[in-house]
């Protein structure tokens, strides 16, 4: 999976974002690395997808945590731009 992400990152960011949106990341151990790539490349849809899948596995999952995490990520991206 890491090689696939590295390949798409070097070739086409739009395809990388589409690939991330279609991945089942619940069993992938490297979600933080993928999130970092998404933040570096400003892949907002992929960041939202990552945050949703990361919080699905937590025991104390509530919508406020998911929304807050997504908003913070998007705010950080906006500040960088």
N, C-alpha and C. Protein backbone atom coordinates (compact mmCIF):
# COMPACT_ATOMS: atom_id res chain seq x y z
N UNK A 1 0.83 -1.19 0.00
CA UNK A 1 0.00 0.00 0.00
C UNK A 1 0.88 1.26 0.00
N UNK A 2 1.96 1.22 0.76
CA UNK A 2 2.86 2.37 0.80
C UNK A 2 3.46 2.67 -0.56
N UNK A 3 3.82 1.63 -1.28
CA UNK A 3 4.41 1.82 -2.62
C UNK A 3 3.38 2.40 -3.58
N UNK A 4 2.15 1.97 -3.45
CA UNK A 4 1.09 2.49 -4.32
C UNK A 4 0.87 3.98 -4.05
N UNK A 5 0.85 4.36 -2.80
CA UNK A 5 0.67 5.76 -2.44
C UNK A 5 1.86 6.59 -2.93
N UNK A 6 3.06 6.08 -2.76
CA UNK A 6 4.25 6.81 -3.23
C UNK A 6 4.23 6.97 -4.75
N UNK A 7 3.78 5.94 -5.45
CA UNK A 7 3.70 6.03 -6.91
C UNK A 7 2.71 7.12 -7.34
N UNK A 8 1.51 7.08 -6.78
CA UNK A 8 0.51 8.08 -7.16
C UNK A 8 0.93 9.49 -6.75
N UNK A 9 1.63 9.60 -5.62
CA UNK A 9 2.08 10.92 -5.18
C UNK A 9 3.06 11.51 -6.18
N UNK A 10 3.90 10.68 -6.75
CA UNK A 10 4.89 11.18 -7.70
C UNK A 10 4.31 11.41 -9.10
N UNK A 11 3.20 10.76 -9.42
CA UNK A 11 2.64 10.85 -10.77
C UNK A 11 1.47 11.81 -10.89
N UNK A 12 0.45 11.62 -10.04
CA UNK A 12 -0.79 12.37 -10.22
C UNK A 12 -1.52 12.48 -8.88
N UNK A 13 -1.58 13.70 -8.34
CA UNK A 13 -2.20 13.90 -7.03
C UNK A 13 -3.71 13.68 -7.06
N UNK A 14 -4.33 13.97 -8.19
CA UNK A 14 -5.77 13.75 -8.29
C UNK A 14 -6.09 12.26 -8.20
N UNK A 15 -5.27 11.44 -8.84
CA UNK A 15 -5.46 10.00 -8.75
C UNK A 15 -5.14 9.49 -7.35
N UNK A 16 -4.16 10.10 -6.70
CA UNK A 16 -3.85 9.73 -5.32
C UNK A 16 -5.04 9.98 -4.42
N UNK A 17 -5.66 11.14 -4.57
CA UNK A 17 -6.82 11.45 -3.74
C UNK A 17 -7.96 10.47 -4.01
N UNK A 18 -8.21 10.17 -5.27
CA UNK A 18 -9.25 9.21 -5.61
C UNK A 18 -8.95 7.83 -5.03
N UNK A 19 -7.69 7.43 -5.09
CA UNK A 19 -7.31 6.13 -4.54
C UNK A 19 -7.54 6.09 -3.03
N UNK A 20 -7.13 7.15 -2.33
CA UNK A 20 -7.32 7.19 -0.88
C UNK A 20 -8.80 7.14 -0.52
N UNK A 21 -9.62 7.82 -1.30
CA UNK A 21 -11.06 7.81 -1.05
C UNK A 21 -11.65 6.42 -1.21
N UNK A 22 -11.02 5.58 -2.01
CA UNK A 22 -11.54 4.23 -2.25
C UNK A 22 -10.89 3.16 -1.39
N UNK A 23 -9.83 3.49 -0.67
CA UNK A 23 -9.16 2.53 0.19
C UNK A 23 -9.97 2.26 1.45
N UNK A 24 -9.90 1.03 1.94
CA UNK A 24 -10.42 0.71 3.26
C UNK A 24 -9.25 0.84 4.23
N UNK A 25 -9.21 1.94 4.93
CA UNK A 25 -8.06 2.26 5.78
C UNK A 25 -8.20 1.79 7.22
N UNK A 26 -9.26 1.04 7.52
CA UNK A 26 -9.48 0.62 8.90
C UNK A 26 -8.40 -0.32 9.40
N UNK A 27 -7.79 -1.12 8.52
CA UNK A 27 -6.75 -2.05 8.95
C UNK A 27 -5.34 -1.60 8.54
N UNK A 28 -5.23 -0.43 7.95
CA UNK A 28 -3.94 0.07 7.50
C UNK A 28 -3.23 0.76 8.67
N UNK A 29 -2.00 0.33 9.01
CA UNK A 29 -1.33 0.88 10.19
C UNK A 29 -0.69 2.26 9.98
N UNK A 30 -0.59 2.72 8.74
CA UNK A 30 0.15 3.95 8.45
C UNK A 30 -0.75 5.14 8.13
N UNK A 31 -1.89 5.26 8.78
CA UNK A 31 -2.82 6.34 8.44
C UNK A 31 -2.24 7.72 8.74
N UNK A 32 -1.37 7.81 9.73
CA UNK A 32 -0.77 9.11 10.04
C UNK A 32 0.14 9.59 8.91
N UNK A 33 0.85 8.69 8.29
CA UNK A 33 1.70 9.06 7.16
C UNK A 33 0.85 9.50 5.97
N UNK A 34 -0.25 8.80 5.75
CA UNK A 34 -1.14 9.19 4.66
C UNK A 34 -1.75 10.55 4.95
N UNK A 35 -2.14 10.77 6.18
CA UNK A 35 -2.72 12.07 6.55
C UNK A 35 -1.71 13.19 6.33
N UNK A 36 -0.45 12.95 6.66
CA UNK A 36 0.58 13.96 6.46
C UNK A 36 0.73 14.29 4.97
N UNK A 37 0.71 13.27 4.12
CA UNK A 37 0.79 13.49 2.67
C UNK A 37 -0.40 14.31 2.21
N UNK A 38 -1.58 13.96 2.71
CA UNK A 38 -2.79 14.70 2.32
C UNK A 38 -2.71 16.17 2.73
N UNK A 39 -2.18 16.42 3.91
CA UNK A 39 -2.03 17.80 4.37
C UNK A 39 -0.98 18.54 3.55
N UNK A 40 0.11 17.87 3.22
CA UNK A 40 1.17 18.51 2.42
C UNK A 40 0.67 18.86 1.02
N UNK A 41 -0.14 17.99 0.45
CA UNK A 41 -0.60 18.17 -0.93
C UNK A 41 -1.99 18.81 -1.02
N UNK A 42 -2.54 19.21 0.13
CA UNK A 42 -3.84 19.88 0.20
C UNK A 42 -4.98 19.04 -0.39
N UNK A 43 -5.02 17.78 -0.04
CA UNK A 43 -6.06 16.86 -0.51
C UNK A 43 -7.19 16.83 0.52
N UNK A 44 -8.07 17.81 0.44
CA UNK A 44 -9.08 18.00 1.48
C UNK A 44 -10.09 16.86 1.56
N UNK A 45 -10.54 16.35 0.44
CA UNK A 45 -11.50 15.23 0.47
C UNK A 45 -10.88 14.00 1.13
N UNK A 46 -9.63 13.76 0.84
CA UNK A 46 -8.94 12.62 1.43
C UNK A 46 -8.76 12.81 2.94
N UNK A 47 -8.51 14.04 3.38
CA UNK A 47 -8.38 14.31 4.82
C UNK A 47 -9.70 14.03 5.53
N UNK A 48 -10.80 14.45 4.94
CA UNK A 48 -12.11 14.20 5.54
C UNK A 48 -12.35 12.70 5.62
N UNK A 49 -12.03 11.98 4.56
CA UNK A 49 -12.20 10.52 4.55
C UNK A 49 -11.33 9.86 5.62
N UNK A 50 -10.08 10.28 5.72
CA UNK A 50 -9.18 9.72 6.73
C UNK A 50 -9.69 9.95 8.14
N UNK A 51 -10.13 11.18 8.41
CA UNK A 51 -10.63 11.48 9.75
C UNK A 51 -11.86 10.64 10.08
N UNK A 52 -12.73 10.46 9.12
CA UNK A 52 -13.92 9.64 9.37
C UNK A 52 -13.56 8.19 9.64
N UNK A 53 -12.63 7.63 8.88
CA UNK A 53 -12.27 6.23 9.09
C UNK A 53 -11.44 6.05 10.36
N UNK A 54 -10.62 7.03 10.71
CA UNK A 54 -9.83 6.91 11.94
C UNK A 54 -10.73 6.93 13.17
N UNK A 55 -11.78 7.75 13.14
CA UNK A 55 -12.65 7.84 14.31
C UNK A 55 -13.69 6.74 14.37
N UNK A 56 -13.91 6.00 13.30
CA UNK A 56 -14.86 4.90 13.33
C UNK A 56 -14.39 3.79 14.24
N UNK A 57 -13.09 3.65 14.41
CA UNK A 57 -12.55 2.56 15.21
C UNK A 57 -12.46 2.88 16.70
N UNK A 58 -12.65 4.12 17.07
CA UNK A 58 -12.50 4.49 18.47
C UNK A 58 -13.76 4.12 19.26
N UNK A 59 -13.55 3.71 20.49
CA UNK A 59 -14.66 3.29 21.34
C UNK A 59 -15.55 4.47 21.70
N UNK A 60 -14.95 5.58 22.02
CA UNK A 60 -15.72 6.76 22.44
C UNK A 60 -15.97 7.67 21.24
N UNK A 61 -16.49 7.11 20.19
CA UNK A 61 -16.73 7.88 18.96
C UNK A 61 -17.98 8.73 19.11
N UNK A 62 -17.85 10.01 18.84
CA UNK A 62 -19.03 10.86 18.73
C UNK A 62 -18.81 11.86 17.61
N UNK A 63 -19.89 12.34 17.08
CA UNK A 63 -19.82 13.20 15.90
C UNK A 63 -19.07 14.49 16.16
N UNK A 64 -19.10 15.00 17.38
CA UNK A 64 -18.42 16.26 17.69
C UNK A 64 -16.90 16.10 17.52
N UNK A 65 -16.34 14.98 17.96
CA UNK A 65 -14.90 14.75 17.80
C UNK A 65 -14.50 14.68 16.34
N UNK A 66 -15.31 13.98 15.55
CA UNK A 66 -15.01 13.84 14.13
C UNK A 66 -15.07 15.21 13.46
N UNK A 67 -16.12 15.95 13.73
CA UNK A 67 -16.28 17.28 13.11
C UNK A 67 -15.16 18.22 13.53
N UNK A 68 -14.81 18.21 14.79
CA UNK A 68 -13.75 19.08 15.29
C UNK A 68 -12.41 18.74 14.64
N UNK A 69 -12.11 17.47 14.53
CA UNK A 69 -10.86 17.07 13.89
C UNK A 69 -10.82 17.48 12.43
N UNK A 70 -11.92 17.30 11.71
CA UNK A 70 -11.98 17.69 10.31
C UNK A 70 -11.82 19.20 10.17
N UNK A 71 -12.53 19.95 11.01
CA UNK A 71 -12.43 21.42 10.94
C UNK A 71 -11.03 21.91 11.26
N UNK A 72 -10.38 21.30 12.24
CA UNK A 72 -9.01 21.69 12.58
C UNK A 72 -8.05 21.40 11.43
N UNK A 73 -8.21 20.25 10.81
CA UNK A 73 -7.36 19.92 9.66
C UNK A 73 -7.56 20.90 8.52
N UNK A 74 -8.79 21.20 8.21
CA UNK A 74 -9.07 22.13 7.12
C UNK A 74 -8.61 23.54 7.45
N UNK A 75 -8.73 23.94 8.71
CA UNK A 75 -8.25 25.26 9.13
C UNK A 75 -6.73 25.34 8.97
N UNK A 76 -6.02 24.28 9.38
CA UNK A 76 -4.56 24.27 9.23
C UNK A 76 -4.16 24.36 7.77
N UNK A 77 -4.90 23.68 6.90
CA UNK A 77 -4.62 23.77 5.47
C UNK A 77 -4.85 25.19 4.95
N UNK A 78 -5.93 25.80 5.40
CA UNK A 78 -6.26 27.16 4.97
C UNK A 78 -5.17 28.14 5.40
N UNK A 79 -4.67 27.99 6.62
CA UNK A 79 -3.62 28.88 7.11
C UNK A 79 -2.34 28.72 6.28
N UNK A 80 -2.02 27.50 5.89
CA UNK A 80 -0.82 27.26 5.10
C UNK A 80 -0.92 27.89 3.71
N UNK A 81 -2.13 27.92 3.17
CA UNK A 81 -2.30 28.51 1.83
C UNK A 81 -2.14 30.01 1.93
